[in-house]
Amino acid sequence: MNGLLDRKDRLILQHLCQHGKVTERLLELVCKTTTYRRIEKLLRMGLLTRGEEGYQLTPAGQKALLGQQEGLAGTWPHLAAIPTAYHLAMAELIIAAVSARISGLFSEHLPSFLLVGPTMGWKTSHGRLCRTADKAHGYL
């Protein structure tokens, strides 16, 4: 998804994340027509929502703003395919816990993780991805 965003899209996302609305400062950086056209594109992509208090980034928008090479995604590129910043953070925590266990830092009181949410919330896929990542690197 990040391949579909250019510098102006990322600038608009960053501005709306901080301010929630189009301000004069944003219009100084990107012309008005382009700004609103790009906002409509970001809304269609599911990266933004429009509410009573202005624009808000969706979890996918937060992930797109983070970029593809943040955190462990720079080391393990398949993690960049994780759909939201929340799921990426959970995957990084799980990988860190597995690494800590393998290193021998902890012999007991090992961390556990439980993903709870509605149907089709990427819980099973998340578990499978972490399991695959750990097996591929010889951790499990």
N, C-alpha and C. Protein backbone atom coordinates (compact mmCIF):
# COMPACT_ATOMS: atom_id res chain seq x y z
N MET A 1 0.82 -1.19 0.00
CA MET A 1 0.00 0.00 0.00
C MET A 1 0.86 1.24 0.00
N ASN A 2 1.98 1.18 0.71
CA ASN A 2 2.83 2.36 0.79
C ASN A 2 3.40 2.73 -0.57
N GLY A 3 3.50 1.75 -1.48
CA GLY A 3 3.98 2.04 -2.82
C GLY A 3 3.02 2.94 -3.57
N LEU A 4 1.75 2.99 -3.15
CA LEU A 4 0.75 3.82 -3.80
C LEU A 4 0.73 5.24 -3.26
N LEU A 5 1.47 5.49 -2.20
CA LEU A 5 1.49 6.82 -1.58
C LEU A 5 2.76 7.55 -1.99
N ASP A 6 2.60 8.77 -2.44
CA ASP A 6 3.78 9.57 -2.75
C ASP A 6 4.02 10.58 -1.63
N ARG A 7 4.97 11.48 -1.85
CA ARG A 7 5.37 12.44 -0.83
C ARG A 7 4.20 13.31 -0.38
N LYS A 8 3.37 13.76 -1.33
CA LYS A 8 2.23 14.62 -0.97
C LYS A 8 1.19 13.87 -0.15
N ASP A 9 0.94 12.62 -0.51
CA ASP A 9 -0.01 11.81 0.27
C ASP A 9 0.47 11.67 1.71
N ARG A 10 1.75 11.36 1.87
CA ARG A 10 2.31 11.18 3.22
C ARG A 10 2.28 12.50 3.99
N LEU A 11 2.54 13.60 3.30
CA LEU A 11 2.49 14.93 3.94
C LEU A 11 1.08 15.23 4.43
N ILE A 12 0.09 14.94 3.60
CA ILE A 12 -1.31 15.17 3.98
C ILE A 12 -1.71 14.27 5.14
N LEU A 13 -1.33 13.00 5.09
CA LEU A 13 -1.63 12.09 6.20
C LEU A 13 -1.01 12.58 7.50
N GLN A 14 0.25 12.98 7.42
CA GLN A 14 0.95 13.47 8.62
C GLN A 14 0.27 14.71 9.19
N HIS A 15 -0.11 15.63 8.32
CA HIS A 15 -0.77 16.86 8.77
C HIS A 15 -2.12 16.56 9.41
N LEU A 16 -2.92 15.69 8.77
CA LEU A 16 -4.23 15.37 9.31
C LEU A 16 -4.13 14.55 10.59
N CYS A 17 -3.08 13.79 10.74
CA CYS A 17 -2.85 13.05 11.98
C CYS A 17 -2.63 14.03 13.14
N GLN A 18 -1.91 15.10 12.88
CA GLN A 18 -1.60 16.08 13.92
C GLN A 18 -2.74 17.06 14.16
N HIS A 19 -3.39 17.52 13.09
CA HIS A 19 -4.36 18.61 13.22
C HIS A 19 -5.81 18.19 13.03
N GLY A 20 -6.06 17.12 12.28
CA GLY A 20 -7.42 16.65 12.07
C GLY A 20 -8.21 17.44 11.05
N LYS A 21 -7.64 18.50 10.53
CA LYS A 21 -8.35 19.30 9.52
C LYS A 21 -7.34 19.96 8.60
N VAL A 22 -7.85 20.45 7.49
CA VAL A 22 -7.00 21.15 6.53
C VAL A 22 -6.78 22.56 7.07
N THR A 23 -5.53 22.96 7.19
CA THR A 23 -5.19 24.29 7.69
C THR A 23 -4.46 25.08 6.59
N GLU A 24 -4.29 26.34 6.87
CA GLU A 24 -3.57 27.21 5.93
C GLU A 24 -2.14 26.71 5.72
N ARG A 25 -1.54 26.19 6.75
CA ARG A 25 -0.17 25.66 6.65
C ARG A 25 -0.09 24.55 5.62
N LEU A 26 -1.06 23.64 5.65
CA LEU A 26 -1.08 22.55 4.67
C LEU A 26 -1.29 23.10 3.26
N LEU A 27 -2.17 24.08 3.13
CA LEU A 27 -2.44 24.65 1.82
C LEU A 27 -1.26 25.46 1.28
N GLU A 28 -0.35 25.87 2.15
CA GLU A 28 0.88 26.50 1.68
C GLU A 28 1.82 25.47 1.06
N LEU A 29 1.72 24.23 1.56
CA LEU A 29 2.62 23.17 1.08
C LEU A 29 2.06 22.42 -0.12
N VAL A 30 0.74 22.24 -0.15
CA VAL A 30 0.08 21.53 -1.24
C VAL A 30 -1.13 22.37 -1.65
N CYS A 31 -1.29 22.59 -2.96
CA CYS A 31 -2.39 23.46 -3.41
C CYS A 31 -3.75 22.86 -3.01
N LYS A 32 -4.74 23.73 -2.90
CA LYS A 32 -6.06 23.37 -2.37
C LYS A 32 -6.72 22.24 -3.16
N THR A 33 -6.73 22.35 -4.48
CA THR A 33 -7.36 21.34 -5.31
C THR A 33 -6.70 19.98 -5.12
N THR A 34 -5.39 19.96 -5.14
CA THR A 34 -4.64 18.72 -4.96
C THR A 34 -4.90 18.14 -3.57
N THR A 35 -4.92 19.00 -2.56
CA THR A 35 -5.15 18.54 -1.19
C THR A 35 -6.47 17.79 -1.08
N TYR A 36 -7.55 18.38 -1.56
CA TYR A 36 -8.86 17.76 -1.42
C TYR A 36 -9.01 16.54 -2.32
N ARG A 37 -8.37 16.55 -3.48
CA ARG A 37 -8.38 15.36 -4.34
C ARG A 37 -7.65 14.21 -3.67
N ARG A 38 -6.51 14.52 -3.05
CA ARG A 38 -5.74 13.48 -2.36
C ARG A 38 -6.48 12.97 -1.12
N ILE A 39 -7.17 13.87 -0.41
CA ILE A 39 -7.95 13.45 0.76
C ILE A 39 -9.03 12.46 0.33
N GLU A 40 -9.70 12.74 -0.78
CA GLU A 40 -10.73 11.82 -1.29
C GLU A 40 -10.11 10.46 -1.63
N LYS A 41 -8.91 10.49 -2.21
CA LYS A 41 -8.20 9.24 -2.54
C LYS A 41 -7.88 8.46 -1.26
N LEU A 42 -7.39 9.17 -0.23
CA LEU A 42 -7.03 8.53 1.04
C LEU A 42 -8.27 7.98 1.75
N LEU A 43 -9.40 8.66 1.62
CA LEU A 43 -10.66 8.17 2.17
C LEU A 43 -11.08 6.88 1.46
N ARG A 44 -10.99 6.86 0.13
CA ARG A 44 -11.35 5.66 -0.63
C ARG A 44 -10.43 4.49 -0.32
N MET A 45 -9.16 4.78 -0.05
CA MET A 45 -8.19 3.73 0.27
C MET A 45 -8.39 3.18 1.68
N GLY A 46 -9.20 3.88 2.49
CA GLY A 46 -9.45 3.43 3.86
C GLY A 46 -8.37 3.88 4.83
N LEU A 47 -7.58 4.87 4.45
CA LEU A 47 -6.52 5.36 5.33
C LEU A 47 -7.00 6.50 6.22
N LEU A 48 -8.10 7.13 5.84
CA LEU A 48 -8.69 8.24 6.60
C LEU A 48 -10.17 7.99 6.79
N THR A 49 -10.72 8.57 7.86
CA THR A 49 -12.16 8.65 8.04
C THR A 49 -12.51 10.10 8.31
N ARG A 50 -13.72 10.46 7.97
CA ARG A 50 -14.18 11.83 8.20
C ARG A 50 -15.25 11.77 9.27
N GLY A 51 -15.05 12.53 10.35
CA GLY A 51 -16.00 12.54 11.45
C GLY A 51 -16.42 13.95 11.80
N GLU A 52 -17.14 14.08 12.89
CA GLU A 52 -17.60 15.40 13.34
C GLU A 52 -16.46 16.33 13.71
N GLU A 53 -15.39 15.75 14.23
CA GLU A 53 -14.25 16.56 14.68
C GLU A 53 -13.16 16.66 13.62
N GLY A 54 -13.46 16.27 12.40
CA GLY A 54 -12.47 16.37 11.33
C GLY A 54 -12.04 15.00 10.84
N TYR A 55 -10.85 14.94 10.30
CA TYR A 55 -10.32 13.70 9.74
C TYR A 55 -9.51 12.95 10.79
N GLN A 56 -9.59 11.63 10.73
CA GLN A 56 -8.79 10.77 11.60
C GLN A 56 -8.17 9.67 10.76
N LEU A 57 -6.97 9.28 11.14
CA LEU A 57 -6.33 8.17 10.47
C LEU A 57 -6.91 6.86 10.97
N THR A 58 -7.13 5.94 10.06
CA THR A 58 -7.54 4.59 10.44
C THR A 58 -6.29 3.83 10.86
N PRO A 59 -6.44 2.66 11.46
CA PRO A 59 -5.24 1.87 11.77
C PRO A 59 -4.37 1.61 10.53
N ALA A 60 -5.01 1.39 9.38
CA ALA A 60 -4.24 1.20 8.14
C ALA A 60 -3.51 2.49 7.76
N GLY A 61 -4.14 3.64 8.02
CA GLY A 61 -3.49 4.92 7.74
C GLY A 61 -2.29 5.15 8.64
N GLN A 62 -2.42 4.76 9.91
CA GLN A 62 -1.28 4.88 10.83
C GLN A 62 -0.13 4.00 10.38
N LYS A 63 -0.47 2.80 9.90
CA LYS A 63 0.55 1.88 9.41
C LYS A 63 1.23 2.45 8.17
N ALA A 64 0.44 3.01 7.27
CA ALA A 64 1.00 3.59 6.05
C ALA A 64 1.92 4.76 6.38
N LEU A 65 1.56 5.52 7.39
CA LEU A 65 2.38 6.66 7.79
C LEU A 65 3.69 6.20 8.42
N LEU A 66 3.67 5.07 9.12
CA LEU A 66 4.89 4.52 9.70
C LEU A 66 5.90 4.16 8.63
N GLY A 67 5.42 3.64 7.53
CA GLY A 67 6.31 3.22 6.46
C GLY A 67 6.59 1.74 6.51
N GLN A 68 7.20 1.26 5.46
CA GLN A 68 7.43 -0.17 5.30
C GLN A 68 8.67 -0.65 6.03
N GLN A 69 9.60 0.20 6.37
CA GLN A 69 10.88 -0.25 6.90
C GLN A 69 11.10 0.13 8.36
N GLU A 70 10.03 0.42 9.08
CA GLU A 70 10.15 0.76 10.49
C GLU A 70 10.28 -0.51 11.34
N GLY A 71 10.97 -0.42 12.43
CA GLY A 71 11.07 -1.53 13.37
C GLY A 71 11.66 -2.78 12.74
N LEU A 72 11.10 -3.93 13.09
CA LEU A 72 11.60 -5.20 12.58
C LEU A 72 11.27 -5.43 11.11
N ALA A 73 10.36 -4.64 10.54
CA ALA A 73 10.03 -4.79 9.12
C ALA A 73 11.25 -4.48 8.25
N GLY A 74 12.18 -3.69 8.77
CA GLY A 74 13.41 -3.43 8.03
C GLY A 74 14.30 -4.66 7.96
N THR A 75 14.22 -5.53 8.98
CA THR A 75 15.00 -6.76 9.03
C THR A 75 14.26 -7.92 8.39
N TRP A 76 12.97 -8.01 8.67
CA TRP A 76 12.13 -9.08 8.13
C TRP A 76 11.07 -8.44 7.24
N PRO A 77 11.34 -8.32 5.95
CA PRO A 77 10.43 -7.60 5.05
C PRO A 77 8.99 -8.13 5.02
N HIS A 78 8.78 -9.41 5.30
CA HIS A 78 7.41 -9.93 5.28
C HIS A 78 6.54 -9.29 6.36
N LEU A 79 7.14 -8.71 7.38
CA LEU A 79 6.34 -8.03 8.41
C LEU A 79 5.70 -6.75 7.87
N ALA A 80 6.25 -6.21 6.78
CA ALA A 80 5.67 -5.00 6.20
C ALA A 80 4.28 -5.25 5.64
N ALA A 81 3.92 -6.51 5.42
CA ALA A 81 2.59 -6.84 4.88
C ALA A 81 1.51 -6.85 5.95
N ILE A 82 1.88 -6.72 7.21
CA ILE A 82 0.89 -6.71 8.29
C ILE A 82 0.03 -5.46 8.14
N PRO A 83 -1.30 -5.60 8.25
CA PRO A 83 -2.20 -4.51 7.84
C PRO A 83 -2.25 -3.27 8.73
N THR A 84 -2.02 -3.39 10.04
CA THR A 84 -2.16 -2.21 10.90
C THR A 84 -0.95 -2.06 11.82
N ALA A 85 -0.78 -0.86 12.34
CA ALA A 85 0.31 -0.60 13.28
C ALA A 85 0.12 -1.43 14.56
N TYR A 86 -1.12 -1.63 14.96
CA TYR A 86 -1.42 -2.44 16.15
C TYR A 86 -0.91 -3.87 15.96
N HIS A 87 -1.24 -4.48 14.83
CA HIS A 87 -0.83 -5.86 14.57
C HIS A 87 0.69 -5.96 14.42
N LEU A 88 1.30 -4.94 13.81
CA LEU A 88 2.77 -4.94 13.66
C LEU A 88 3.43 -4.88 15.04
N ALA A 89 2.90 -4.04 15.92
CA ALA A 89 3.46 -3.93 17.28
C ALA A 89 3.33 -5.26 18.03
N MET A 90 2.18 -5.91 17.89
CA MET A 90 2.01 -7.21 18.53
C MET A 90 2.99 -8.24 17.99
N ALA A 91 3.18 -8.25 16.66
CA ALA A 91 4.12 -9.20 16.06
C ALA A 91 5.54 -8.95 16.57
N GLU A 92 5.92 -7.68 16.69
CA GLU A 92 7.25 -7.36 17.19
C GLU A 92 7.42 -7.78 18.65
N LEU A 93 6.37 -7.61 19.45
CA LEU A 93 6.43 -8.05 20.85
C LEU A 93 6.56 -9.57 20.95
N ILE A 94 5.81 -10.27 20.12
CA ILE A 94 5.87 -11.73 20.15
C ILE A 94 7.26 -12.21 19.73
N ILE A 95 7.80 -11.63 18.68
CA ILE A 95 9.14 -12.01 18.22
C ILE A 95 10.19 -11.69 19.28
N ALA A 96 10.03 -10.55 19.94
CA ALA A 96 10.97 -10.20 21.02
C ALA A 96 10.87 -11.19 22.18
N ALA A 97 9.65 -11.61 22.51
CA ALA A 97 9.47 -12.58 23.60
C ALA A 97 10.11 -13.92 23.25
N VAL A 98 9.93 -14.36 22.01
CA VAL A 98 10.54 -15.61 21.57
C VAL A 98 12.06 -15.49 21.62
N SER A 99 12.58 -14.37 21.16
CA SER A 99 14.03 -14.15 21.18
C SER A 99 14.58 -14.15 22.61
N ALA A 100 13.84 -13.51 23.52
CA ALA A 100 14.28 -13.48 24.92
C ALA A 100 14.28 -14.88 25.52
N ARG A 101 13.29 -15.67 25.17
CA ARG A 101 13.20 -17.04 25.69
C ARG A 101 14.37 -17.88 25.17
N ILE A 102 14.66 -17.75 23.89
CA ILE A 102 15.74 -18.53 23.28
C ILE A 102 17.11 -18.12 23.84
N SER A 103 17.25 -16.83 24.14
CA SER A 103 18.54 -16.34 24.63
C SER A 103 18.84 -16.83 26.05
N GLY A 104 17.83 -17.32 26.74
CA GLY A 104 18.03 -17.81 28.10
C GLY A 104 17.92 -16.72 29.16
N LEU A 105 17.46 -15.55 28.79
CA LEU A 105 17.29 -14.46 29.76
C LEU A 105 16.25 -14.81 30.82
N PHE A 106 15.24 -15.56 30.42
CA PHE A 106 14.16 -15.89 31.33
C PHE A 106 14.00 -17.40 31.38
N SER A 107 13.91 -17.94 32.56
CA SER A 107 13.65 -19.37 32.67
C SER A 107 12.21 -19.64 33.12
N GLU A 108 11.57 -18.62 33.63
CA GLU A 108 10.16 -18.74 34.02
C GLU A 108 9.49 -17.39 33.86
N HIS A 109 8.24 -17.32 34.17
CA HIS A 109 7.44 -16.10 34.00
C HIS A 109 7.54 -15.60 32.56
N LEU A 110 7.31 -16.51 31.64
CA LEU A 110 7.38 -16.16 30.23
C LEU A 110 6.15 -15.38 29.81
N PRO A 111 6.30 -14.42 28.92
CA PRO A 111 5.14 -13.63 28.48
C PRO A 111 4.19 -14.46 27.62
N SER A 112 2.92 -14.11 27.69
CA SER A 112 1.89 -14.75 26.88
C SER A 112 1.15 -13.64 26.14
N PHE A 113 0.55 -13.99 25.05
CA PHE A 113 -0.18 -13.02 24.25
C PHE A 113 -1.54 -13.57 23.90
N LEU A 114 -2.55 -12.72 23.97
CA LEU A 114 -3.91 -13.10 23.65
C LEU A 114 -4.51 -12.00 22.78
N LEU A 115 -4.92 -12.35 21.59
CA LEU A 115 -5.58 -11.40 20.70
C LEU A 115 -7.08 -11.65 20.76
N VAL A 116 -7.82 -10.62 21.10
CA VAL A 116 -9.27 -10.73 21.24
C VAL A 116 -9.89 -9.68 20.34
N GLY A 117 -10.95 -10.03 19.67
CA GLY A 117 -11.63 -9.06 18.82
C GLY A 117 -12.71 -9.72 17.99
N PRO A 118 -13.33 -8.93 17.13
CA PRO A 118 -14.43 -9.45 16.32
C PRO A 118 -13.93 -10.41 15.24
N THR A 119 -14.87 -11.12 14.65
CA THR A 119 -14.58 -12.02 13.55
C THR A 119 -13.93 -11.23 12.41
N MET A 120 -13.02 -11.87 11.71
CA MET A 120 -12.31 -11.27 10.59
C MET A 120 -11.43 -10.10 11.03
N GLY A 121 -10.88 -10.18 12.22
CA GLY A 121 -10.02 -9.12 12.74
C GLY A 121 -8.55 -9.41 12.60
N TRP A 122 -8.19 -10.42 11.80
CA TRP A 122 -6.81 -10.76 11.49
C TRP A 122 -6.10 -11.45 12.65
N LYS A 123 -6.86 -12.04 13.58
CA LYS A 123 -6.25 -12.72 14.73
C LYS A 123 -5.58 -14.02 14.32
N THR A 124 -6.28 -14.88 13.61
CA THR A 124 -5.72 -16.17 13.20
C THR A 124 -4.56 -15.96 12.24
N SER A 125 -4.73 -15.07 11.29
CA SER A 125 -3.65 -14.79 10.33
C SER A 125 -2.42 -14.25 11.05
N HIS A 126 -2.64 -13.45 12.06
CA HIS A 126 -1.54 -12.89 12.85
C HIS A 126 -0.75 -14.01 13.53
N GLY A 127 -1.46 -14.93 14.16
CA GLY A 127 -0.81 -16.06 14.82
C GLY A 127 -0.04 -16.92 13.83
N ARG A 128 -0.64 -17.17 12.68
CA ARG A 128 0.03 -17.98 11.66
C ARG A 128 1.28 -17.28 11.14
N LEU A 129 1.19 -15.98 10.93
CA LEU A 129 2.35 -15.24 10.43
C LEU A 129 3.50 -15.28 11.44
N CYS A 130 3.20 -15.06 12.72
CA CYS A 130 4.25 -15.09 13.75
C CYS A 130 4.85 -16.49 13.86
N ARG A 131 4.01 -17.50 13.79
CA ARG A 131 4.51 -18.87 13.85
C ARG A 131 5.42 -19.16 12.66
N THR A 132 5.02 -18.74 11.46
CA THR A 132 5.82 -18.94 10.26
C THR A 132 7.14 -18.19 10.35
N ALA A 133 7.09 -16.97 10.85
CA ALA A 133 8.32 -16.16 10.99
C ALA A 133 9.28 -16.82 11.96
N ASP A 134 8.75 -17.31 13.07
CA ASP A 134 9.61 -17.95 14.06
C ASP A 134 10.19 -19.26 13.53
N LYS A 135 9.38 -20.05 12.83
CA LYS A 135 9.88 -21.32 12.27
C LYS A 135 10.94 -21.06 11.19
N ALA A 136 10.73 -20.03 10.38
CA ALA A 136 11.66 -19.73 9.29
C ALA A 136 13.03 -19.32 9.82
N HIS A 137 13.05 -18.74 11.00
CA HIS A 137 14.32 -18.31 11.58
C HIS A 137 14.84 -19.30 12.63
N GLY A 138 14.24 -20.48 12.68
CA GLY A 138 14.72 -21.54 13.57
C GLY A 138 14.42 -21.34 15.04
N TYR A 139 13.42 -20.51 15.36
CA TYR A 139 13.10 -20.25 16.76
C TYR A 139 12.17 -21.30 17.36
N LEU A 140 11.32 -21.88 16.53
CA LEU A 140 10.33 -22.83 17.06
C LEU A 140 10.51 -24.19 16.42
